[in-house]
Amino acid sequence: MGEDPENLVQEYVDMDENAIKEVIQDTTIGIYVIKRSTSAEPEDIGIILEGISVLQDLENVALAVAMLFGLMYALNLNYPVDLRYTFEVIQKVFMGLDGSKPSNKTLALKNQLFQ
């Protein structure tokens, strides 16, 4: 969709807890993954809304994306401008919600996926 995936998922490797808390406080909406360089598995995966970690200890990033979408949809939050098309695809193509006309980018992807 031409959007930077780092706007959605931030990975923090070998950072101390205070530095991570500061970064989380500066994040409006997103997913964080905390890893230690000695382990391939994440130590924690969570969701941030308005600078607060609202969900944590999720199993994987895919689940975190689905949960974030559900929270945004249920709370009627606006999609972040830098992730507009990503969330539009999740909403209109994958979830089949809101049948209004999708944007041209979303429609082009949908056509490519379902040919």
Protein backbone atom coordinates (compact mmCIF):
# COMPACT_ATOMS: atom_id res chain seq x y z
CA MET A 1 0.00 0.00 0.00
CA GLY A 2 3.08 2.21 -0.06
CA GLU A 3 3.04 2.81 3.68
CA ASP A 4 6.00 2.21 5.98
CA PRO A 5 5.33 -0.90 8.12
CA GLU A 6 7.43 0.61 10.90
CA ASN A 7 4.59 3.09 11.42
CA LEU A 8 2.50 0.14 12.59
CA VAL A 9 4.97 -2.27 14.25
CA GLN A 10 7.94 -1.05 16.24
CA GLU A 11 10.58 -3.57 17.30
CA TYR A 12 12.76 -2.82 20.31
CA VAL A 13 15.84 -5.00 20.75
CA ASP A 14 17.91 -4.89 23.93
CA MET A 15 16.44 -1.59 25.16
CA ASP A 16 16.00 -0.90 28.85
CA GLU A 17 12.49 -0.59 30.26
CA ASN A 18 12.64 3.18 30.83
CA ALA A 19 13.62 3.86 27.21
CA ILE A 20 10.81 1.63 25.98
CA LYS A 21 8.28 3.39 28.24
CA GLU A 22 9.36 6.77 26.86
CA VAL A 23 8.94 5.60 23.27
CA ILE A 24 5.54 4.09 24.05
CA GLN A 25 4.37 7.37 25.59
CA ASP A 26 5.25 9.17 22.35
CA THR A 27 3.30 6.68 20.19
CA THR A 28 -0.29 7.45 19.24
CA ILE A 29 -1.31 4.09 17.76
CA GLY A 30 0.83 1.04 17.13
CA ILE A 31 2.17 -2.36 18.00
CA TYR A 32 5.40 -2.98 19.88
CA VAL A 33 7.62 -6.04 19.89
CA ILE A 34 10.26 -6.33 22.61
CA LYS A 35 13.13 -8.72 21.93
CA ARG A 36 16.42 -9.65 23.48
CA SER A 37 19.24 -10.26 21.02
CA THR A 38 19.95 -13.62 22.64
CA SER A 39 16.47 -14.97 21.83
CA ALA A 40 14.64 -15.41 18.55
CA GLU A 41 11.26 -15.28 20.29
CA PRO A 42 9.80 -11.92 21.36
CA GLU A 43 9.71 -11.18 25.05
CA ASP A 44 6.49 -9.16 24.69
CA ILE A 45 4.10 -8.07 21.95
CA GLY A 46 1.53 -5.40 22.73
CA ILE A 47 -0.75 -2.64 21.49
CA ILE A 48 -0.40 1.08 22.15
CA LEU A 49 -3.29 3.56 22.04
CA GLU A 50 -2.67 7.21 22.88
CA GLY A 51 0.67 6.47 24.53
CA ILE A 52 -0.64 3.70 26.77
CA SER A 53 0.02 -0.02 26.43
CA VAL A 54 -3.57 -1.32 26.42
CA LEU A 55 -2.82 -4.97 25.58
CA GLN A 56 0.35 -6.91 26.20
CA ASP A 57 1.72 -10.46 26.11
CA LEU A 58 0.01 -11.22 22.80
CA GLU A 59 1.07 -14.39 20.99
CA ASN A 60 2.17 -12.89 17.68
CA VAL A 61 2.11 -9.78 15.51
CA ALA A 62 -0.78 -11.04 13.34
CA LEU A 63 -2.98 -11.34 16.42
CA ALA A 64 -1.84 -7.89 17.54
CA VAL A 65 -2.84 -6.37 14.18
CA ALA A 66 -6.27 -8.00 14.38
CA MET A 67 -6.75 -6.86 17.97
CA LEU A 68 -5.62 -3.32 17.14
CA PHE A 69 -8.07 -3.18 14.24
CA GLY A 70 -10.85 -4.46 16.50
CA LEU A 71 -10.08 -1.87 19.15
CA MET A 72 -9.99 0.95 16.61
CA TYR A 73 -13.24 -0.20 15.02
CA ALA A 74 -15.05 -0.73 18.35
CA LEU A 75 -13.83 2.57 19.80
CA ASN A 76 -14.58 4.38 16.52
CA LEU A 77 -11.05 5.80 16.32
CA ASN A 78 -9.81 7.48 13.17
CA TYR A 79 -7.10 5.64 11.30
CA PRO A 80 -3.67 7.27 11.50
CA VAL A 81 -2.94 9.21 8.31
CA ASP A 82 0.29 7.31 7.68
CA LEU A 83 -1.57 3.94 7.91
CA ARG A 84 -4.86 4.89 6.28
CA TYR A 85 -4.66 2.45 3.39
CA THR A 86 -3.40 -0.42 5.54
CA PHE A 87 -6.40 -0.20 7.84
CA GLU A 88 -8.77 0.41 4.93
CA VAL A 89 -7.62 -2.86 3.33
CA ILE A 90 -8.07 -4.72 6.62
CA GLN A 91 -11.55 -3.24 7.04
CA LYS A 92 -12.95 -3.44 3.54
CA VAL A 93 -11.09 -6.35 1.94
CA PHE A 94 -10.21 -8.78 4.72
CA MET A 95 -13.02 -8.10 7.20
CA GLY A 96 -15.69 -7.18 4.64
CA LEU A 97 -16.95 -4.29 6.76
CA ASP A 98 -18.38 -1.02 5.44
CA GLY A 99 -19.38 -1.62 1.85
CA SER A 100 -18.85 1.99 0.79
CA LYS A 101 -16.59 2.65 -2.16
CA PRO A 102 -12.98 1.83 -1.34
CA SER A 103 -10.11 4.08 -2.37
CA ASN A 104 -8.43 3.42 -5.71
CA LYS A 105 -5.38 1.85 -4.00
CA THR A 106 -7.56 -0.52 -2.01
CA LEU A 107 -9.67 -1.42 -5.03
CA ALA A 108 -6.55 -2.15 -7.11
CA LEU A 109 -5.18 -4.48 -4.42
CA LYS A 110 -8.54 -6.21 -4.04
CA ASN A 111 -8.70 -6.80 -7.79
CA GLN A 112 -5.19 -8.25 -7.80
CA LEU A 113 -5.95 -10.55 -4.87
CA PHE A 114 -9.19 -11.92 -6.24
CA GLN A 115 -8.30 -12.46 -9.91
